[in-house]
Every structure is written in C-alpha cells, then in structure tokens.
Protein backbone atom coordinates (compact mmCIF):
# COMPACT_ATOMS: atom_id res chain seq x y z
CA MET A 1 137.87 130.85 78.92
CA ASN A 2 139.53 133.54 80.97
CA LEU A 3 141.81 134.32 78.00
CA LYS A 4 138.77 134.84 75.75
CA LEU A 5 137.19 137.20 78.29
CA LEU A 6 140.43 139.15 78.53
CA LEU A 7 140.68 139.56 74.76
CA SER A 8 137.05 140.64 74.51
CA PHE A 9 137.63 143.25 77.22
CA VAL A 10 140.71 144.62 75.44
CA ILE A 11 138.88 144.87 72.10
CA LEU A 12 135.86 146.50 73.76
CA THR A 13 137.91 149.10 75.65
CA THR A 14 139.84 149.92 72.48
CA ALA A 15 136.75 150.28 70.28
CA ILE A 16 134.90 152.65 72.65
CA PRO A 17 137.47 155.50 72.41
CA LEU A 18 137.70 155.05 68.64
CA LEU A 19 133.94 155.31 68.36
CA VAL A 20 133.85 158.49 70.45
CA PHE A 21 136.89 159.87 68.61
CA SER A 22 135.19 159.52 65.19
CA GLN A 23 131.92 161.22 66.15
CA ALA A 24 130.97 164.38 64.23
CA ARG A 25 131.45 167.70 66.02
CA THR A 26 131.25 171.42 65.31
CA VAL A 27 134.30 173.57 64.62
CA LYS A 28 134.07 177.36 64.79
CA GLY A 29 136.55 180.07 63.95
CA LYS A 30 137.39 183.14 61.92
CA ILE A 31 139.14 183.64 58.57
CA THR A 32 141.23 186.81 58.27
CA ASN A 33 143.66 188.35 55.80
CA GLU A 34 147.24 189.42 56.46
CA SER A 35 146.02 192.69 57.98
CA GLY A 36 143.79 190.89 60.47
CA ASP A 37 140.51 191.88 58.79
CA GLY A 38 137.82 189.26 58.35
CA ILE A 39 137.35 187.84 54.84
CA PRO A 40 133.62 187.81 54.02
CA ALA A 41 132.07 184.92 52.07
CA ALA A 42 135.22 182.78 52.34
CA SER A 43 134.70 179.09 51.51
CA ILE A 44 135.16 176.34 54.11
CA VAL A 45 134.96 172.76 52.80
CA VAL A 46 135.71 169.36 54.40
CA ARG A 47 138.02 167.56 51.97
CA GLY A 48 136.55 164.43 50.38
CA THR A 49 132.97 165.40 51.22
CA SER A 50 130.28 167.67 49.84
CA GLN A 51 129.99 169.43 53.17
CA GLY A 52 130.89 173.12 53.09
CA VAL A 53 129.84 176.54 54.35
CA SER A 54 130.63 180.21 53.70
CA ALA A 55 131.94 182.69 56.22
CA ASP A 56 129.75 185.61 57.25
CA GLU A 57 130.47 189.27 56.52
CA ASN A 58 133.06 189.35 59.34
CA GLY A 59 134.82 186.11 58.36
CA ASN A 60 133.28 183.96 61.13
CA PHE A 61 132.24 180.39 60.34
CA SER A 62 130.83 177.24 61.90
CA ILE A 63 131.09 173.80 60.27
CA SER A 64 130.44 170.20 61.29
CA VAL A 65 133.36 167.80 60.76
CA PRO A 66 133.20 163.98 60.83
CA GLY A 67 136.23 163.56 63.11
CA SER A 68 139.62 164.83 64.21
CA ASN A 69 141.36 163.38 61.14
CA SER A 70 139.18 165.43 58.78
CA VAL A 71 141.00 168.01 56.64
CA ILE A 72 139.34 171.43 56.25
CA ILE A 73 140.08 173.56 53.16
CA PHE A 74 139.86 177.35 53.57
CA SER A 75 139.78 179.46 50.37
CA SER A 76 138.63 182.77 48.96
CA VAL A 77 139.02 184.65 45.67
CA GLY A 78 142.29 186.57 45.69
CA TYR A 79 143.87 184.45 48.47
CA GLU A 80 145.93 181.28 48.60
CA ALA A 81 143.95 178.26 49.82
CA GLN A 82 144.99 176.63 53.08
CA GLN A 83 144.36 173.11 54.42
CA LEU A 84 144.29 172.23 58.12
CA ARG A 85 143.50 169.07 60.05
CA ALA A 86 140.54 169.46 62.37
CA GLY A 87 142.26 167.84 65.37
CA ASN A 88 140.56 167.91 68.76
CA SER A 89 140.14 171.68 69.00
CA SER A 90 136.69 173.19 68.62
CA THR A 91 138.09 176.56 67.47
CA ILE A 92 140.27 177.17 64.40
CA ASN A 93 141.36 180.64 63.30
CA VAL A 94 142.96 180.92 59.86
CA SER A 95 144.91 183.73 58.17
CA LEU A 96 145.02 183.58 54.36
CA LYS A 97 147.77 185.16 52.27
CA SER A 98 147.01 187.27 49.20
CA SER A 99 147.46 185.44 45.92
CA GLN A 100 150.14 186.71 43.54
CA ASP A 101 148.60 185.06 40.46
CA LEU A 102 145.53 187.25 39.94
CA SER A 103 147.06 188.71 36.79
CA GLU A 104 146.98 185.24 35.23
CA ILE A 105 143.17 184.98 35.50
CA ILE A 106 141.23 185.84 32.32
CA VAL A 107 137.49 186.54 32.08
CA THR A 108 136.10 184.71 29.05
CA ALA A 109 132.54 184.05 27.87
CA LEU A 110 129.61 184.61 30.24
CA GLY A 111 131.91 185.92 32.97
CA ILE A 112 133.71 182.60 33.37
CA LYS A 113 137.20 183.00 34.83
CA ARG A 114 139.96 180.77 33.49
CA GLU A 115 143.68 180.57 34.04
CA LYS A 116 145.54 182.23 31.17
CA LYS A 117 147.83 179.23 30.68
CA ALA A 118 144.80 176.93 30.35
CA LEU A 119 143.33 178.83 27.40
CA GLY A 120 143.72 177.45 23.90
CA TYR A 121 143.68 180.87 22.26
CA SER A 122 145.40 184.23 22.58
CA ALA A 123 144.05 186.51 25.31
CA GLN A 124 145.25 189.51 27.25
CA GLU A 125 143.77 191.34 30.21
CA VAL A 126 144.17 194.94 31.43
CA SER A 127 143.15 195.87 34.97
CA GLY A 128 140.88 198.79 35.73
CA GLN A 129 143.65 200.46 37.72
CA ASP A 130 145.87 200.59 34.63
CA LEU A 131 143.03 202.16 32.64
CA VAL A 132 142.25 205.04 35.01
CA GLU A 133 145.87 206.11 35.34
CA SER A 134 145.86 207.79 31.91
CA ARG A 135 142.50 209.50 32.58
CA GLN A 136 141.26 209.33 29.00
CA SER A 137 137.74 210.50 28.18
CA ASN A 138 137.20 207.35 26.09
CA ILE A 139 138.12 204.03 27.68
CA LEU A 140 139.41 202.65 24.38
CA ASN A 141 142.05 205.37 24.18
CA ALA A 142 143.32 204.18 27.56
CA LEU A 143 144.14 200.78 25.98
CA ARG A 144 146.80 202.29 23.71
CA GLY A 145 150.21 200.81 24.41
CA LYS A 146 148.78 198.26 26.86
CA VAL A 147 147.53 195.55 24.48
CA ALA A 148 149.59 193.93 21.74
CA GLY A 149 148.26 193.49 18.22
CA VAL A 150 145.48 196.10 18.33
CA GLN A 151 145.04 199.36 16.46
CA ILE A 152 143.08 202.16 18.11
CA ASN A 153 142.15 205.33 16.21
CA SER A 154 140.15 208.30 17.44
CA GLY A 155 137.54 209.84 15.19
CA GLY A 156 139.01 213.30 15.80
CA GLY A 157 140.12 215.71 18.47
CA ALA A 158 136.72 217.17 19.21
CA PRO A 159 135.08 216.49 22.61
CA GLY A 160 133.25 213.17 22.85
CA GLN A 161 134.71 211.76 19.65
CA GLY A 162 134.39 208.01 19.22
CA SER A 163 137.32 205.61 19.02
CA ARG A 164 137.72 202.64 16.74
CA ILE A 165 139.60 199.45 17.61
CA VAL A 166 140.77 196.73 15.22
CA ILE A 167 142.43 193.51 16.39
CA ARG A 168 145.16 192.09 14.14
CA GLY A 169 144.10 194.06 11.08
CA ILE A 170 140.89 194.23 9.09
CA LYS A 171 139.19 191.04 7.95
CA SER A 172 137.17 192.48 5.06
CA LEU A 173 137.83 195.14 2.40
CA SER A 174 134.14 195.95 2.10
CA PRO A 175 133.53 199.61 3.09
CA ASP A 176 130.25 198.62 4.71
CA ARG A 177 131.82 195.94 6.90
CA ASN A 178 132.48 196.77 10.56
CA ASN A 179 135.87 195.24 11.35
CA GLN A 180 135.70 196.12 15.03
CA PRO A 181 135.57 193.35 17.64
CA LEU A 182 132.48 192.35 19.55
CA PHE A 183 131.97 194.30 22.80
CA VAL A 184 130.55 192.46 25.82
CA ILE A 185 129.88 194.31 29.09
CA ASP A 186 128.96 191.94 31.94
CA GLY A 187 127.41 189.56 29.40
CA ILE A 188 125.53 192.29 27.49
CA LEU A 189 126.46 192.96 23.86
CA ILE A 190 126.91 196.56 22.71
CA ASP A 191 127.49 198.10 19.27
CA ASN A 192 130.62 200.26 19.11
CA SER A 193 130.43 201.00 15.40
CA THR A 194 131.54 204.48 14.37
CA THR A 195 129.03 206.56 12.44
CA THR A 196 130.05 209.33 10.06
CA ILE A 197 127.81 211.97 8.51
CA ASP A 198 128.47 213.78 5.27
CA GLY A 199 127.07 217.27 5.11
CA SER A 200 128.08 220.32 3.10
CA GLY A 201 131.04 218.49 1.65
CA ASP A 202 132.66 217.47 4.95
CA VAL A 203 132.74 214.14 6.76
CA ARG A 204 132.44 214.16 10.53
CA GLY A 205 132.74 211.27 12.94
CA LEU A 206 130.31 210.96 15.82
CA SER A 207 130.62 209.49 19.28
CA ASN A 208 130.13 205.76 19.85
CA ARG A 209 129.03 203.63 22.78
CA ALA A 210 132.45 202.93 24.30
CA SER A 211 132.64 206.60 25.30
CA ASP A 212 129.64 206.06 27.60
CA ILE A 213 131.61 203.71 29.86
CA ASN A 214 132.97 205.24 33.05
CA PRO A 215 136.58 204.02 33.49
CA ASP A 216 136.16 204.14 37.28
CA ASP A 217 133.50 201.40 37.04
CA VAL A 218 135.69 198.94 35.13
CA GLU A 219 137.26 196.01 36.98
CA SER A 220 139.13 194.59 33.98
CA ILE A 221 139.11 194.35 30.18
CA SER A 222 139.96 191.07 28.43
CA ILE A 223 140.92 191.04 24.76
CA LEU A 224 140.12 187.66 23.15
CA ARG A 225 141.45 186.99 19.67
CA GLY A 226 142.18 184.07 17.41
CA GLY A 227 139.93 181.53 15.73
CA ALA A 228 139.19 179.70 18.96
CA ALA A 229 137.66 182.87 20.43
CA THR A 230 134.99 182.67 17.74
CA ALA A 231 133.74 179.44 19.34
CA LEU A 232 132.76 181.41 22.45
CA TYR A 233 130.55 183.97 20.71
CA GLY A 234 129.98 182.55 17.23
CA GLN A 235 130.36 184.51 14.01
CA ALA A 236 129.91 187.79 15.91
CA GLY A 237 133.29 187.21 17.54
CA SER A 238 135.20 186.58 14.31
CA ASN A 239 136.94 189.97 14.65
CA GLY A 240 137.83 189.31 18.28
CA VAL A 241 136.02 190.09 21.51
CA VAL A 242 136.46 192.86 24.06
CA VAL A 243 135.10 191.56 27.38
CA ILE A 244 134.54 194.36 29.90
CA THR A 245 133.89 193.38 33.52
CA THR A 246 132.59 196.08 35.84
CA LYS A 247 133.19 196.27 39.57
CA SER A 248 130.76 194.26 41.69
CA ALA A 249 129.76 194.49 45.31
CA LYS A 250 131.30 192.20 47.95
CA ALA A 251 129.73 191.06 51.18
CA GLY A 252 130.84 193.12 54.14
CA LYS A 253 130.64 196.71 55.25
CA MET A 254 129.27 199.38 52.96
CA ARG A 255 132.07 200.96 50.92
CA VAL A 256 131.92 204.46 49.44
CA SER A 257 134.54 205.74 46.98
CA PHE A 258 134.72 209.17 45.40
CA THR A 259 137.05 210.33 42.63
CA ASN A 260 137.42 213.79 41.17
CA THR A 261 139.79 214.55 38.28
CA TYR A 262 140.61 217.58 36.17
CA GLY A 263 142.70 217.69 33.00
CA ILE A 264 143.88 220.25 30.46
CA ASP A 265 143.92 219.78 26.67
CA GLU A 266 146.22 221.81 24.44
CA VAL A 267 147.20 221.64 20.78
CA ASN A 268 150.94 220.98 20.93
CA LYS A 269 151.89 221.72 17.33
CA PHE A 270 150.81 224.17 14.62
CA PRO A 271 151.92 224.61 10.99
CA ASP A 272 154.87 226.94 10.53
CA VAL A 273 153.92 230.39 9.24
CA GLN A 274 156.09 233.35 8.29
CA MET A 275 156.38 235.93 11.08
CA LYS A 276 158.20 238.74 9.24
CA PHE A 277 156.00 240.31 6.55
CA THR A 278 152.66 242.01 7.14
CA GLN A 279 149.49 242.16 5.06
CA GLY A 280 149.89 243.75 1.65
CA TYR A 281 150.94 243.25 -1.96
CA LEU A 282 154.48 243.24 -3.29
CA GLY A 283 155.80 245.32 -0.43
CA VAL A 284 152.83 247.73 -0.37
CA TYR A 285 151.06 247.82 3.01
CA ASP A 286 147.29 247.37 2.58
CA VAL A 287 144.86 246.39 5.33
CA THR A 288 141.72 246.63 3.18
CA GLU A 289 142.56 243.81 0.80
CA PHE A 290 144.03 240.39 1.20
CA PHE A 291 146.56 239.12 -1.30
CA PRO A 292 148.49 235.85 -1.14
CA THR A 293 151.78 237.75 -1.50
CA TRP A 294 154.10 239.58 0.85
CA GLY A 295 153.50 243.07 2.19
CA PRO A 296 156.15 245.19 3.89
CA THR A 297 158.04 244.04 6.96
CA ILE A 298 156.79 244.84 10.44
CA GLU A 299 159.27 247.71 10.78
CA GLU A 300 158.16 249.22 7.46
CA ALA A 301 154.49 248.80 8.31
CA LYS A 302 155.06 250.43 11.71
CA ALA A 303 156.60 253.47 10.04
CA LEU A 304 153.60 253.77 7.71
CA ASP A 305 150.99 253.14 10.41
CA PRO A 306 151.98 253.77 14.07
CA THR A 307 148.95 251.76 15.24
CA HIS A 308 150.19 248.61 13.50
CA PRO A 309 150.97 245.78 15.98
CA ASP A 310 154.60 245.09 16.74
CA LYS A 311 154.29 241.41 15.90
CA ILE A 312 152.44 239.03 13.64
CA PHE A 313 150.16 236.44 15.24
CA ASN A 314 149.99 232.82 14.16
CA HIS A 315 146.41 232.66 12.91
CA TYR A 316 146.37 228.87 13.34
CA ALA A 317 147.16 229.19 17.05
CA ARG A 318 144.61 231.96 17.51
CA GLY A 319 141.93 229.64 16.14
CA TYR A 320 142.22 227.31 19.12
CA GLN A 321 141.89 227.62 22.86
CA GLN A 322 142.98 225.67 25.92
CA GLY A 323 140.53 222.83 26.53
CA ASN A 324 139.77 221.08 29.79
CA GLN A 325 137.94 218.05 31.07
CA TYR A 326 136.37 217.28 34.42
CA ARG A 327 135.04 213.99 35.79
CA SER A 328 133.42 213.31 39.14
CA SER A 329 132.42 209.75 40.16
CA ILE A 330 130.93 208.17 43.27
CA ASN A 331 130.52 204.45 43.93
CA LEU A 332 128.62 202.64 46.71
CA SER A 333 128.83 198.89 47.29
CA GLY A 334 128.34 196.36 50.04
CA GLY A 335 125.77 194.07 51.58
CA THR A 336 125.47 190.61 53.08
CA GLU A 337 125.61 187.06 51.78
CA ASN A 338 121.90 187.22 50.95
CA ALA A 339 121.77 190.64 49.29
CA LEU A 340 124.38 192.83 47.62
CA LEU A 341 124.10 196.47 46.56
CA SER A 342 126.23 198.26 43.99
CA SER A 343 125.52 201.72 42.60
CA SER A 344 127.58 204.39 40.85
CA PHE A 345 127.13 207.85 39.39
CA SER A 346 129.47 209.75 37.09
CA TYR A 347 129.42 213.23 35.56
CA PHE A 348 131.85 214.13 32.78
CA LYS A 349 132.26 217.50 31.06
CA GLN A 350 134.80 218.33 28.36
CA ASN A 351 135.41 221.70 26.73
CA GLY A 352 137.23 221.31 23.43
CA THR A 353 140.21 223.16 22.06
CA ILE A 354 137.91 224.52 19.34
CA PRO A 355 135.81 227.40 20.73
CA PHE A 356 132.14 226.65 21.46
CA SER A 357 132.66 222.86 21.38
CA ASP A 358 131.87 220.74 24.43
CA TYR A 359 130.65 217.30 25.49
CA LYS A 360 128.73 216.11 28.55
CA ASN A 361 128.16 212.58 29.79
CA ILE A 362 126.10 211.47 32.78
CA SER A 363 126.09 207.76 33.61
CA GLY A 364 124.86 205.70 36.52
C-alpha cells in the first residue's frame, strides 16, 4: 500500500511540471535586417499550426505559442527564412539575411510569383534598375541586348516614336496581323500596336502606348514565351506576353524619391559629300542656278567672288541639330499594414534632332 502511494506521488509530481511547461504563453520580439532596421510586415508562424501574425511597421511582433518546444518560423519577401525554438524566453529578437535568389523569381499571370526553375515554359525577367541605366525615352528600347530571342525596332528617330517588339519572329504573314506580344501592366492589358499614316506619299509611324510608361516606376519586366505561356492568357498570348510590374508601397515610413536626368541626342553619321567643288556648271561658277554637275573649285570661286565662303558645308549635317531630352520624376510611398499609399509624377520633354520637332509626356 505504501508502495502504491509512493508511485502515485512520483507520477503526480512529474505530471504537474509537464502540465505547466506545456501551457500556452506569449512571445514578443523584433525582426530586423542585417543593418539593424526593423522589417515591416514580416511573417511569424508557429510551425505545424495555423497560428501566425505579421510584424508592425517597425518589425515588432507578439505571438502566442503552445509551449517551449514550439518552433517559430520568421520570414519576409527578400530575406532568408529562419526557424527558432520558442524555449522558455518571453522575448526573441531575430535578424534575417537578405536573399540572394531574388533574380530567380518570375512574375507570371495575375501577379503570381513563381520560381524560374519551377516554370514549364521559357521566361526571362529584367529588373527596373537595369532598365533605367540606359535612360531611353521608350522603355522597350531599354530592353535591347537584355532579353534573348526578341527583336525591337523603333518607328524612327523623331521624338516620341513608338517601338515594336516581336518575340521569336512573326507568327503570321498577314499585313493586318499584329505580331507583337500581349502587354500586361499590373494585370491590366494595353494595346502597343504601332499605327502608321500615309499622307502626301509618305508613311510615318506614330507613338504607341509603351512610350507612356515611366521607366522609374517599373519594378520588373517578365518576358513569357512558348506555347505554355498561351495557357496563362489564352489566344491573346500566342505571340508571347510582356508582364510589367510597377513599384508598390511597403509598410513603414514614408519614402520620397526624386530623379532628374538630362541627355543629348546627336546624329553620328551623315552621307559622304564632295567638299572640293562649288556650285556651278562644268567649271563655270554660278550661284543663280543649280546644276547637278561640278562648278569651279573653292580657290577658283574665291578668285571670281571674294565674298565666296572658304569652305563647303555638308548640307545633310546642316539639316539637323543637337537634340536633348529631360525627365523629372518624383515618387512617394509608404503606409501601415492597414493602408498603403503610392503615388508618382513624371514629366518628360524631348527636342528632336530635326528642327521644330519635340515630344512631351506627363504621367502620374
């Protein structure tokens, strides 16, 4: 009888600490990056349960855990996830390292992000930083040399000219068929077809919608191609898809960015013209008539007319001027977990190399 009482006492005294040990409790802490700054909206989840919370705008969090053996998973976009055992401490501070695999993430249909190696079709992504480095007036021109298997042609050298992109060649020989890929900006479809007008015997290309996009607002551009890409957008994506993702606001402090750029455009090559003979006919100097034959040399013309210029000007070069382009952009973003604000404004002005030609674009 005494042995039974002793065993009951041992079992009872052992079970009481285990019961207390497994009771739920609250764990608080802060999630920071490698620089010590708080990571807003970071995810905190108890492994094996549906229990999870998000950090506030400063990276602080508070979560209830079932017991000390519970494993807490800390993660955030752009950072490597980390798992820690809750233990007996009521405070856990975590520092997350930046992920090195962001370049392997592709934005597909409806803004869904997938790992590049998990896709069953060909895709390539270009970051917004790579696009703004070339400072092209049209964002499609900035893709030249950065994406394999695409052909990009500008409508002309005039300000605001549209650009045409074809992925892996044309699919139809019909002159009325638009062989350009489908353009999707944050889930919204746009038409980037190039329109030409025929007037007075000349054909002129006009601007298209891709020129309206401010490169400073672009987060990334994904080029989807192949037959499997058609399954994402139907027949409209048979020529490929250009998925443009713009920058979005993140919870935290209000951020203000301002960019101001200036560029110069020059014609770098002109047809070769003769620079020896002046205006005239068969060696006879004549400034009143124009003949498609040679006049006297400059030295001979100078002797006949002392006011004659000492050199001949390239009339092709004199028909052009130095062009320039100017872009000014401002972007505001920020907010909390409940409300985010993102706004941008851009002004672009381009003066062409042809006199009296210019192009303005205001977007917001």
